[in-house]
Protein backbone atom coordinates (compact mmCIF):
# COMPACT_ATOMS: atom_id res chain seq x y z
CA HIS A 1 -48.26 9.96 36.76
CA VAL A 2 -45.13 7.87 37.21
CA GLN A 3 -42.71 7.75 34.32
CA LEU A 4 -39.32 6.13 33.83
CA VAL A 5 -37.83 6.89 30.44
CA GLU A 6 -34.63 5.16 29.42
CA SER A 7 -32.34 6.53 26.72
CA GLY A 8 -28.87 6.07 25.33
CA GLY A 9 -29.16 2.65 23.81
CA ARG A 10 -27.64 2.16 20.36
CA VAL A 11 -25.47 -0.15 18.26
CA VAL A 12 -21.85 -0.28 19.37
CA GLN A 13 -18.85 -2.46 18.62
CA PRO A 14 -17.31 -4.91 21.10
CA GLY A 15 -14.97 -3.15 23.49
CA GLU A 16 -16.76 0.18 23.31
CA SER A 17 -18.48 1.99 26.16
CA LEU A 18 -22.02 3.25 26.53
CA ASN A 19 -23.85 5.31 29.13
CA LEU A 20 -27.58 4.79 29.62
CA SER A 21 -29.88 7.28 31.33
CA CYS A 22 -33.25 6.90 32.99
CA ALA A 23 -35.31 10.03 33.61
CA ALA A 24 -37.80 9.68 36.44
CA SER A 25 -40.92 11.68 37.17
CA GLY A 26 -44.17 11.38 39.09
CA PHE A 27 -42.69 10.07 42.33
CA VAL A 28 -40.16 11.21 44.91
CA PHE A 29 -37.10 9.84 43.18
CA ASN A 30 -34.62 10.46 45.98
CA THR A 31 -36.54 8.18 48.35
CA TYR A 32 -36.48 5.11 46.09
CA GLY A 33 -33.79 2.55 45.55
CA MET A 34 -33.36 1.88 41.83
CA LYS A 35 -32.05 -0.87 39.61
CA TRP A 36 -31.18 -1.76 36.05
CA SER A 37 -32.21 -5.06 34.51
CA ARG A 38 -31.85 -6.42 31.01
CA GLN A 39 -33.45 -8.97 28.76
CA ALA A 40 -31.64 -10.55 25.86
CA PRO A 41 -33.58 -12.13 22.97
CA GLY A 42 -35.04 -15.45 24.04
CA LYS A 43 -33.71 -15.15 27.59
CA GLU A 44 -35.14 -14.29 30.99
CA LEU A 45 -34.91 -10.92 32.62
CA GLU A 46 -31.51 -10.48 34.27
CA TRP A 47 -30.59 -8.17 37.15
CA VAL A 48 -27.73 -5.81 36.26
CA ALA A 49 -27.22 -3.35 39.12
CA THR A 50 -28.87 -1.75 42.15
CA ILE A 51 -28.33 1.55 43.93
CA ASP A 52 -29.83 2.85 47.16
CA ALA A 53 -31.91 6.01 47.39
CA ARG A 54 -28.99 8.23 48.37
CA GLY A 55 -26.61 6.77 45.82
CA SER A 56 -24.14 5.69 48.49
CA THR A 57 -24.39 1.92 48.06
CA THR A 58 -24.36 -0.13 44.87
CA TYR A 59 -24.67 -3.82 44.12
CA TYR A 60 -23.80 -5.89 41.05
CA PRO A 61 -23.83 -9.54 40.07
CA PRO A 62 -20.25 -10.83 40.17
CA ARG A 63 -20.09 -11.39 36.42
CA LEU A 64 -20.76 -7.69 35.70
CA GLU A 65 -18.92 -6.02 38.55
CA GLY A 66 -15.98 -4.01 37.26
CA ARG A 67 -17.46 -3.35 33.82
CA PHE A 68 -20.79 -1.75 34.76
CA THR A 69 -21.34 1.21 37.09
CA ILE A 70 -24.71 2.40 38.33
CA SER A 71 -25.10 5.96 39.59
CA ARG A 72 -27.76 8.58 40.12
CA ASP A 73 -28.22 12.32 40.24
CA ASN A 74 -31.09 13.00 42.60
CA ALA A 75 -31.06 16.70 41.73
CA LYS A 76 -31.86 15.73 38.14
CA ASN A 77 -34.12 12.75 38.97
CA THR A 78 -31.94 10.63 36.74
CA LEU A 79 -30.42 7.18 36.99
CA TYR A 80 -27.38 6.13 34.95
CA LEU A 81 -25.63 2.97 33.85
CA GLN A 82 -22.08 3.25 32.56
CA MET A 83 -21.09 0.15 30.61
CA ASN A 84 -17.49 -0.43 29.61
CA SER A 85 -15.73 -3.10 27.54
CA LEU A 86 -19.02 -4.16 26.03
CA LYS A 87 -19.37 -7.71 24.75
CA THR A 88 -21.76 -9.24 22.26
CA GLU A 89 -23.48 -11.02 25.14
CA ASP A 90 -24.41 -7.61 26.59
CA THR A 91 -26.90 -7.19 23.75
CA ALA A 92 -30.31 -6.75 25.35
CA VAL A 93 -33.11 -4.37 26.14
CA TYR A 94 -32.11 -2.48 29.30
CA TYR A 95 -34.75 -1.41 31.78
CA CYS A 96 -34.64 0.87 34.80
CA ALA A 97 -36.99 0.20 37.68
CA SER A 98 -37.66 1.25 41.23
CA LEU A 99 -37.04 -1.19 44.06
CA GLU A 100 -40.12 -0.06 45.92
CA ALA A 101 -43.49 0.15 44.16
CA ASN A 102 -42.03 -1.73 41.17
CA TYR A 103 -42.12 1.09 38.63
CA TRP A 104 -40.58 0.15 35.25
CA GLY A 105 -39.51 1.99 32.14
CA GLN A 106 -40.15 0.89 28.57
CA GLY A 107 -36.55 -0.09 27.95
CA THR A 108 -33.76 0.93 25.60
CA GLN A 109 -32.08 -1.39 23.11
CA VAL A 110 -28.34 -1.97 23.34
CA THR A 111 -26.77 -3.96 20.52
CA VAL A 112 -23.12 -4.95 20.61
CA SER A 113 -22.05 -6.15 17.21
């Protein structure tokens, strides 16, 4: 069955970096575009980054571009999110998801404090 398992979330201080991973299984990972989204306490789900199936094209909302980098290793069926210069407002549960078929992981908590 389809699984997306995020990892790497933890408590960090402002200004630090963090790299999240998302291990995929149960579907042909290298044929799916993928994305990261996040949800802060009391707020709506927010799109963070998107990458195409080959990993050649990425998209970010303007307010995050330059600090966050999405990437993937199709040989390892893994999606990544490198986050730099973290701010307290980056505190949220981070989810990976597929663009097609709408598969979602369970999320990983990132706390910047």
